Amino acid sequence: MCARSRYSRIVGRFLILAGIVLVILGFVVIGADRIGIHLGRLPGDIRVEGRRGGFYFPIVTCILISVLLSVISWFFSKR
């Protein structure tokens, strides 16, 4: 097998896996919204609005996602 074929096979598998993960995350976000957890609009997220525009930074949402990904990573590294 040539190196180019191996590379394209690895990249193809990665893209398929990334697509599956994005679909699953989409369902998680939709499901969370239906049960009342509005990701991106949690208490503690920073929102500043002025006359000409606004600034929004979802700090609590970022922390929540970071903790969740850390727990998942820890779980899979304990094998």
PDB file of N, CA and C in Angstrom:
ATOM      1  N   MET A   1       0.850  -1.172   0.000  1.00  0.00           N
ATOM      2  CA  MET A   1       0.000   0.000   0.000  1.00  0.00           C
ATOM      3  C   MET A   1       0.898   1.237   0.000  1.00  0.00           C
ATOM      4  N   CYS A   2       0.611   2.181  -0.858  1.00  0.00           N
ATOM      5  CA  CYS A   2       1.450   3.370  -0.921  1.00  0.00           C
ATOM      6  C   CYS A   2       1.065   4.329   0.214  1.00  0.00           C
ATOM      7  N   ALA A   3       1.959   5.254   0.494  1.00  0.00           N
ATOM      8  CA  ALA A   3       1.771   6.168   1.616  1.00  0.00           C
ATOM      9  C   ALA A   3       0.573   7.088   1.398  1.00  0.00           C
ATOM     10  N   ARG A   4       0.358   7.472   0.142  1.00  0.00           N
ATOM     11  CA  ARG A   4      -0.754   8.370  -0.155  1.00  0.00           C
ATOM     12  C   ARG A   4      -2.093   7.695   0.111  1.00  0.00           C
ATOM     13  N   SER A   5      -2.207   6.443  -0.254  1.00  0.00           N
ATOM     14  CA  SER A   5      -3.438   5.700  -0.038  1.00  0.00           C
ATOM     15  C   SER A   5      -3.703   5.525   1.455  1.00  0.00           C
ATOM     16  N   ARG A   6      -2.655   5.243   2.200  1.00  0.00           N
ATOM     17  CA  ARG A   6      -2.797   5.082   3.653  1.00  0.00           C
ATOM     18  C   ARG A   6      -3.220   6.396   4.297  1.00  0.00           C
ATOM     19  N   TYR A   7      -2.608   7.495   3.851  1.00  0.00           N
ATOM     20  CA  TYR A   7      -2.934   8.815   4.387  1.00  0.00           C
ATOM     21  C   TYR A   7      -4.396   9.150   4.109  1.00  0.00           C
ATOM     22  N   SER A   8      -4.859   8.934   2.877  1.00  0.00           N
ATOM     23  CA  SER A   8      -6.239   9.277   2.545  1.00  0.00           C
ATOM     24  C   SER A   8      -7.220   8.392   3.306  1.00  0.00           C
ATOM     25  N   ARG A   9      -6.866   7.161   3.578  1.00  0.00           N
ATOM     26  CA  ARG A   9      -7.729   6.281   4.360  1.00  0.00           C
ATOM     27  C   ARG A   9      -7.835   6.784   5.805  1.00  0.00           C
ATOM     28  N   ILE A  10      -6.718   7.207   6.389  1.00  0.00           N
ATOM     29  CA  ILE A  10      -6.720   7.722   7.765  1.00  0.00           C
ATOM     30  C   ILE A  10      -7.533   9.010   7.848  1.00  0.00           C
ATOM     31  N   VAL A  11      -7.315   9.920   6.894  1.00  0.00           N
ATOM     32  CA  VAL A  11      -8.051  11.186   6.889  1.00  0.00           C
ATOM     33  C   VAL A  11      -9.543  10.928   6.680  1.00  0.00           C
ATOM     34  N   GLY A  12      -9.883  10.006   5.790  1.00  0.00           N
ATOM     35  CA  GLY A  12     -11.284   9.673   5.556  1.00  0.00           C
ATOM     36  C   GLY A  12     -11.963   9.140   6.798  1.00  0.00           C
ATOM     37  N   ARG A  13     -11.296   8.242   7.498  1.00  0.00           N
ATOM     38  CA  ARG A  13     -11.868   7.703   8.736  1.00  0.00           C
ATOM     39  C   ARG A  13     -12.035   8.779   9.791  1.00  0.00           C
ATOM     40  N   PHE A  14     -11.048   9.672   9.879  1.00  0.00           N
ATOM     41  CA  PHE A  14     -11.135  10.763  10.847  1.00  0.00           C
ATOM     42  C   PHE A  14     -12.324  11.668  10.534  1.00  0.00           C
ATOM     43  N   LEU A  15     -12.523  11.995   9.267  1.00  0.00           N
ATOM     44  CA  LEU A  15     -13.634  12.862   8.892  1.00  0.00           C
ATOM     45  C   LEU A  15     -14.984  12.199   9.159  1.00  0.00           C
ATOM     46  N   ILE A  16     -15.085  10.909   8.914  1.00  0.00           N
ATOM     47  CA  ILE A  16     -16.325  10.191   9.213  1.00  0.00           C
ATOM     48  C   ILE A  16     -16.586  10.210  10.718  1.00  0.00           C
ATOM     49  N   LEU A  17     -15.559   9.935  11.518  1.00  0.00           N
ATOM     50  CA  LEU A  17     -15.706   9.957  12.972  1.00  0.00           C
ATOM     51  C   LEU A  17     -16.077  11.351  13.465  1.00  0.00           C
ATOM     52  N   ALA A  18     -15.431  12.383  12.915  1.00  0.00           N
ATOM     53  CA  ALA A  18     -15.748  13.757  13.315  1.00  0.00           C
ATOM     54  C   ALA A  18     -17.196  14.091  12.978  1.00  0.00           C
ATOM     55  N   GLY A  19     -17.691  13.631  11.833  1.00  0.00           N
ATOM     56  CA  GLY A  19     -19.079  13.868  11.459  1.00  0.00           C
ATOM     57  C   GLY A  19     -20.047  13.197  12.409  1.00  0.00           C
ATOM     58  N   ILE A  20     -19.736  11.960  12.784  1.00  0.00           N
ATOM     59  CA  ILE A  20     -20.595  11.231  13.730  1.00  0.00           C
ATOM     60  C   ILE A  20     -20.624  11.939  15.079  1.00  0.00           C
ATOM     61  N   VAL A  21     -19.465  12.394  15.534  1.00  0.00           N
ATOM     62  CA  VAL A  21     -19.393  13.107  16.810  1.00  0.00           C
ATOM     63  C   VAL A  21     -20.209  14.401  16.747  1.00  0.00           C
ATOM     64  N   LEU A  22     -20.131  15.133  15.638  1.00  0.00           N
ATOM     65  CA  LEU A  22     -20.901  16.371  15.507  1.00  0.00           C
ATOM     66  C   LEU A  22     -22.407  16.107  15.500  1.00  0.00           C
ATOM     67  N   VAL A  23     -22.833  15.030  14.862  1.00  0.00           N
ATOM     68  CA  VAL A  23     -24.257  14.685  14.866  1.00  0.00           C
ATOM     69  C   VAL A  23     -24.712  14.357  16.286  1.00  0.00           C
ATOM     70  N   ILE A  24     -23.909  13.587  17.012  1.00  0.00           N
ATOM     71  CA  ILE A  24     -24.250  13.243  18.398  1.00  0.00           C
ATOM     72  C   ILE A  24     -24.309  14.502  19.259  1.00  0.00           C
ATOM     73  N   LEU A  25     -23.345  15.410  19.090  1.00  0.00           N
ATOM     74  CA  LEU A  25     -23.364  16.656  19.858  1.00  0.00           C
ATOM     75  C   LEU A  25     -24.591  17.502  19.517  1.00  0.00           C
ATOM     76  N   GLY A  26     -24.997  17.487  18.264  1.00  0.00           N
ATOM     77  CA  GLY A  26     -26.209  18.196  17.870  1.00  0.00           C
ATOM     78  C   GLY A  26     -27.436  17.666  18.586  1.00  0.00           C
ATOM     79  N   PHE A  27     -27.537  16.330  18.664  1.00  0.00           N
ATOM     80  CA  PHE A  27     -28.663  15.739  19.390  1.00  0.00           C
ATOM     81  C   PHE A  27     -28.600  16.067  20.876  1.00  0.00           C
ATOM     82  N   VAL A  28     -27.405  16.121  21.452  1.00  0.00           N
ATOM     83  CA  VAL A  28     -27.262  16.468  22.869  1.00  0.00           C
ATOM     84  C   VAL A  28     -27.727  17.897  23.117  1.00  0.00           C
ATOM     85  N   VAL A  29     -27.338  18.816  22.246  1.00  0.00           N
ATOM     86  CA  VAL A  29     -27.740  20.218  22.417  1.00  0.00           C
ATOM     87  C   VAL A  29     -29.257  20.365  22.268  1.00  0.00           C
ATOM     88  N   ILE A  30     -29.837  19.698  21.280  1.00  0.00           N
ATOM     89  CA  ILE A  30     -31.287  19.755  21.099  1.00  0.00           C
ATOM     90  C   ILE A  30     -32.004  19.143  22.303  1.00  0.00           C
ATOM     91  N   GLY A  31     -31.513  18.008  22.780  1.00  0.00           N
ATOM     92  CA  GLY A  31     -32.114  17.362  23.939  1.00  0.00           C
ATOM     93  C   GLY A  31     -31.998  18.210  25.196  1.00  0.00           C
ATOM     94  N   ALA A  32     -30.832  18.842  25.379  1.00  0.00           N
ATOM     95  CA  ALA A  32     -30.647  19.702  26.552  1.00  0.00           C
ATOM     96  C   ALA A  32     -31.595  20.887  26.506  1.00  0.00           C
ATOM     97  N   ASP A  33     -31.805  21.435  25.333  1.00  0.00           N
ATOM     98  CA  ASP A  33     -32.718  22.572  25.204  1.00  0.00           C
ATOM     99  C   ASP A  33     -34.151  22.166  25.522  1.00  0.00           C
ATOM    100  N   ARG A  34     -34.521  20.965  25.143  1.00  0.00           N
ATOM    101  CA  ARG A  34     -35.894  20.492  25.404  1.00  0.00           C
ATOM    102  C   ARG A  34     -36.158  20.236  26.884  1.00  0.00           C
ATOM    103  N   ILE A  35     -35.107  19.868  27.651  1.00  0.00           N
ATOM    104  CA  ILE A  35     -35.332  19.624  29.079  1.00  0.00           C
ATOM    105  C   ILE A  35     -35.058  20.857  29.931  1.00  0.00           C
ATOM    106  N   GLY A  36     -34.730  21.986  29.279  1.00  0.00           N
ATOM    107  CA  GLY A  36     -34.599  23.235  30.015  1.00  0.00           C
ATOM    108  C   GLY A  36     -33.186  23.701  30.271  1.00  0.00           C
ATOM    109  N   ILE A  37     -32.192  23.012  29.734  1.00  0.00           N
ATOM    110  CA  ILE A  37     -30.797  23.455  29.886  1.00  0.00           C
ATOM    111  C   ILE A  37     -30.419  24.164  28.599  1.00  0.00           C
ATOM    112  N   HIS A  38     -30.375  25.471  28.648  1.00  0.00           N
ATOM    113  CA  HIS A  38     -30.101  26.270  27.458  1.00  0.00           C
ATOM    114  C   HIS A  38     -28.606  26.586  27.394  1.00  0.00           C
ATOM    115  N   LEU A  39     -27.849  25.718  26.725  1.00  0.00           N
ATOM    116  CA  LEU A  39     -26.411  25.936  26.602  1.00  0.00           C
ATOM    117  C   LEU A  39     -26.162  27.245  25.862  1.00  0.00           C
ATOM    118  N   GLY A  40     -25.271  28.048  26.405  1.00  0.00           N
ATOM    119  CA  GLY A  40     -24.997  29.346  25.823  1.00  0.00           C
ATOM    120  C   GLY A  40     -25.783  30.463  26.471  1.00  0.00           C
ATOM    121  N   ARG A  41     -26.772  30.103  27.291  1.00  0.00           N
ATOM    122  CA  ARG A  41     -27.578  31.105  27.985  1.00  0.00           C
ATOM    123  C   ARG A  41     -27.717  30.752  29.459  1.00  0.00           C
ATOM    124  N   LEU A  42     -26.661  30.225  30.042  1.00  0.00           N
ATOM    125  CA  LEU A  42     -26.696  29.831  31.445  1.00  0.00           C
ATOM    126  C   LEU A  42     -26.438  31.041  32.339  1.00  0.00           C
ATOM    127  N   PRO A  43     -26.895  30.985  33.593  1.00  0.00           N
ATOM    128  CA  PRO A  43     -26.580  32.071  34.527  1.00  0.00           C
ATOM    129  C   PRO A  43     -25.060  32.166  34.708  1.00  0.00           C
ATOM    130  N   GLY A  44     -24.534  33.350  34.624  1.00  0.00           N
ATOM    131  CA  GLY A  44     -23.096  33.558  34.752  1.00  0.00           C
ATOM    132  C   GLY A  44     -22.422  33.837  33.426  1.00  0.00           C
ATOM    133  N   ASP A  45     -23.096  33.577  32.325  1.00  0.00           N
ATOM    134  CA  ASP A  45     -22.551  33.937  31.026  1.00  0.00           C
ATOM    135  C   ASP A  45     -22.547  35.458  30.918  1.00  0.00           C
ATOM    136  N   ILE A  46     -21.492  35.994  30.334  1.00  0.00           N
ATOM    137  CA  ILE A  46     -21.305  37.447  30.295  1.00  0.00           C
ATOM    138  C   ILE A  46     -21.994  38.030  29.067  1.00  0.00           C
ATOM    139  N   ARG A  47     -22.835  39.037  29.301  1.00  0.00           N
ATOM    140  CA  ARG A  47     -23.496  39.729  28.198  1.00  0.00           C
ATOM    141  C   ARG A  47     -23.467  41.227  28.484  1.00  0.00           C
ATOM    142  N   VAL A  48     -22.875  41.976  27.563  1.00  0.00           N
ATOM    143  CA  VAL A  48     -22.827  43.433  27.667  1.00  0.00           C
ATOM    144  C   VAL A  48     -23.413  43.983  26.372  1.00  0.00           C
ATOM    145  N   GLU A  49     -24.452  44.796  26.490  1.00  0.00           N
ATOM    146  CA  GLU A  49     -25.089  45.367  25.310  1.00  0.00           C
ATOM    147  C   GLU A  49     -25.045  46.880  25.391  1.00  0.00           C
ATOM    148  N   GLY A  50     -24.724  47.489  24.265  1.00  0.00           N
ATOM    149  CA  GLY A  50     -24.692  48.941  24.167  1.00  0.00           C
ATOM    150  C   GLY A  50     -25.598  49.415  23.052  1.00  0.00           C
ATOM    151  N   ARG A  51     -25.493  50.697  22.723  1.00  0.00           N
ATOM    152  CA  ARG A  51     -26.333  51.256  21.665  1.00  0.00           C
ATOM    153  C   ARG A  51     -25.929  50.745  20.283  1.00  0.00           C
ATOM    154  N   ARG A  52     -24.639  50.539  20.073  1.00  0.00           N
ATOM    155  CA  ARG A  52     -24.150  50.155  18.746  1.00  0.00           C
ATOM    156  C   ARG A  52     -23.880  48.669  18.589  1.00  0.00           C
ATOM    157  N   GLY A  53     -24.073  47.909  19.587  1.00  0.00           N
ATOM    158  CA  GLY A  53     -23.797  46.482  19.485  1.00  0.00           C
ATOM    159  C   GLY A  53     -23.672  45.862  20.850  1.00  0.00           C
ATOM    160  N   GLY A  54     -23.125  44.688  20.851  1.00  0.00           N
ATOM    161  CA  GLY A  54     -23.004  44.007  22.129  1.00  0.00           C
ATOM    162  C   GLY A  54     -21.855  43.017  22.129  1.00  0.00           C
ATOM    163  N   PHE A  55     -21.593  42.493  23.296  1.00  0.00           N
ATOM    164  CA  PHE A  55     -20.550  41.498  23.496  1.00  0.00           C
ATOM    165  C   PHE A  55     -21.148  40.383  24.334  1.00  0.00           C
ATOM    166  N   TYR A  56     -20.901  39.154  23.910  1.00  0.00           N
ATOM    167  CA  TYR A  56     -21.429  38.008  24.630  1.00  0.00           C
ATOM    168  C   TYR A  56     -20.349  36.959  24.741  1.00  0.00           C
ATOM    169  N   PHE A  57     -20.069  36.504  25.960  1.00  0.00           N
ATOM    170  CA  PHE A  57     -19.094  35.445  26.161  1.00  0.00           C
ATOM    171  C   PHE A  57     -19.693  34.424  27.124  1.00  0.00           C
ATOM    172  N   PRO A  58     -19.947  33.201  26.650  1.00  0.00           N
ATOM    173  CA  PRO A  58     -20.582  32.178  27.499  1.00  0.00           C
ATOM    174  C   PRO A  58     -19.571  31.473  28.407  1.00  0.00           C
ATOM    175  N   ILE A  59     -19.072  32.157  29.406  1.00  0.00           N
ATOM    176  CA  ILE A  59     -18.004  31.637  30.270  1.00  0.00           C
ATOM    177  C   ILE A  59     -18.455  30.401  31.049  1.00  0.00           C
ATOM    178  N   VAL A  60     -19.653  30.414  31.598  1.00  0.00           N
ATOM    179  CA  VAL A  60     -20.131  29.269  32.370  1.00  0.00           C
ATOM    180  C   VAL A  60     -20.355  28.068  31.456  1.00  0.00           C
ATOM    181  N   THR A  61     -20.862  28.308  30.268  1.00  0.00           N
ATOM    182  CA  THR A  61     -21.043  27.227  29.310  1.00  0.00           C
ATOM    183  C   THR A  61     -19.695  26.621  28.936  1.00  0.00           C
ATOM    184  N   CYS A  62     -18.678  27.464  28.726  1.00  0.00           N
ATOM    185  CA  CYS A  62     -17.332  26.972  28.403  1.00  0.00           C
ATOM    186  C   CYS A  62     -16.761  26.131  29.542  1.00  0.00           C
ATOM    187  N   ILE A  63     -16.952  26.577  30.770  1.00  0.00           N
ATOM    188  CA  ILE A  63     -16.457  25.827  31.922  1.00  0.00           C
ATOM    189  C   ILE A  63     -17.182  24.486  32.027  1.00  0.00           C
ATOM    190  N   LEU A  64     -18.490  24.486  31.831  1.00  0.00           N
ATOM    191  CA  LEU A  64     -19.275  23.252  31.893  1.00  0.00           C
ATOM    192  C   LEU A  64     -18.820  22.255  30.822  1.00  0.00           C
ATOM    193  N   ILE A  65     -18.624  22.712  29.611  1.00  0.00           N
ATOM    194  CA  ILE A  65     -18.160  21.837  28.532  1.00  0.00           C
ATOM    195  C   ILE A  65     -16.754  21.330  28.820  1.00  0.00           C
ATOM    196  N   SER A  66     -15.887  22.182  29.363  1.00  0.00           N
ATOM    197  CA  SER A  66     -14.526  21.773  29.700  1.00  0.00           C
ATOM    198  C   SER A  66     -14.513  20.678  30.763  1.00  0.00           C
ATOM    199  N   VAL A  67     -15.334  20.843  31.788  1.00  0.00           N
ATOM    200  CA  VAL A  67     -15.415  19.825  32.847  1.00  0.00           C
ATOM    201  C   VAL A  67     -15.954  18.508  32.278  1.00  0.00           C
ATOM    202  N   LEU A  68     -16.970  18.599  31.455  1.00  0.00           N
ATOM    203  CA  LEU A  68     -17.550  17.402  30.852  1.00  0.00           C
ATOM    204  C   LEU A  68     -16.525  16.673  29.973  1.00  0.00           C
ATOM    205  N   LEU A  69     -15.800  17.405  29.145  1.00  0.00           N
ATOM    206  CA  LEU A  69     -14.782  16.780  28.299  1.00  0.00           C
ATOM    207  C   LEU A  69     -13.628  16.212  29.125  1.00  0.00           C
ATOM    208  N   SER A  70     -13.279  16.865  30.225  1.00  0.00           N
ATOM    209  CA  SER A  70     -12.225  16.354  31.107  1.00  0.00           C
ATOM    210  C   SER A  70     -12.643  15.039  31.754  1.00  0.00           C
ATOM    211  N   VAL A  71     -13.892  14.951  32.190  1.00  0.00           N
ATOM    212  CA  VAL A  71     -14.385  13.710  32.795  1.00  0.00           C
ATOM    213  C   VAL A  71     -14.419  12.590  31.766  1.00  0.00           C
ATOM    214  N   ILE A  72     -14.876  12.890  30.564  1.00  0.00           N
ATOM    215  CA  ILE A  72     -14.886  11.874  29.509  1.00  0.00           C
ATOM    216  C   ILE A  72     -13.470  11.418  29.175  1.00  0.00           C
ATOM    217  N   SER A  73     -12.554  12.371  29.070  1.00  0.00           N
ATOM    218  CA  SER A  73     -11.154  12.034  28.787  1.00  0.00           C
ATOM    219  C   SER A  73     -10.559  11.187  29.908  1.00  0.00           C
ATOM    220  N   TRP A  74     -10.850  11.534  31.142  1.00  0.00           N
ATOM    221  CA  TRP A  74     -10.343  10.775  32.281  1.00  0.00           C
ATOM    222  C   TRP A  74     -10.894   9.349  32.268  1.00  0.00           C
ATOM    223  N   PHE A  75     -12.171   9.227  31.931  1.00  0.00           N
ATOM    224  CA  PHE A  75     -12.816   7.929  31.885  1.00  0.00           C
ATOM    225  C   PHE A  75     -12.160   7.025  30.842  1.00  0.00           C
ATOM    226  N   PHE A  76     -11.878   7.554  29.664  1.00  0.00           N
ATOM    227  CA  PHE A  76     -11.288   6.736  28.607  1.00  0.00           C
ATOM    228  C   PHE A  76      -9.799   6.487  28.819  1.00  0.00           C
ATOM    229  N   SER A  77      -9.132   7.315  29.614  1.00  0.00           N
ATOM    230  CA  SER A  77      -7.697   7.101  29.863  1.00  0.00           C
ATOM    231  C   SER A  77      -7.453   6.082  30.981  1.00  0.00           C
ATOM    232  N   LYS A  78      -8.495   5.675  31.706  1.00  0.00           N
ATOM    233  CA  LYS A  78      -8.345   4.740  32.816  1.00  0.00           C
ATOM    234  C   LYS A  78      -8.410   3.276  32.384  1.00  0.00           C
ATOM    235  N   ARG A  79      -8.434   2.990  31.088  1.00  0.00           N
ATOM    236  CA  ARG A  79      -8.520   1.609  30.626  1.00  0.00           C
ATOM    237  C   ARG A  79      -7.319   0.868  30.968  1.00  0.00           C
TER     238      ARG A  79
END
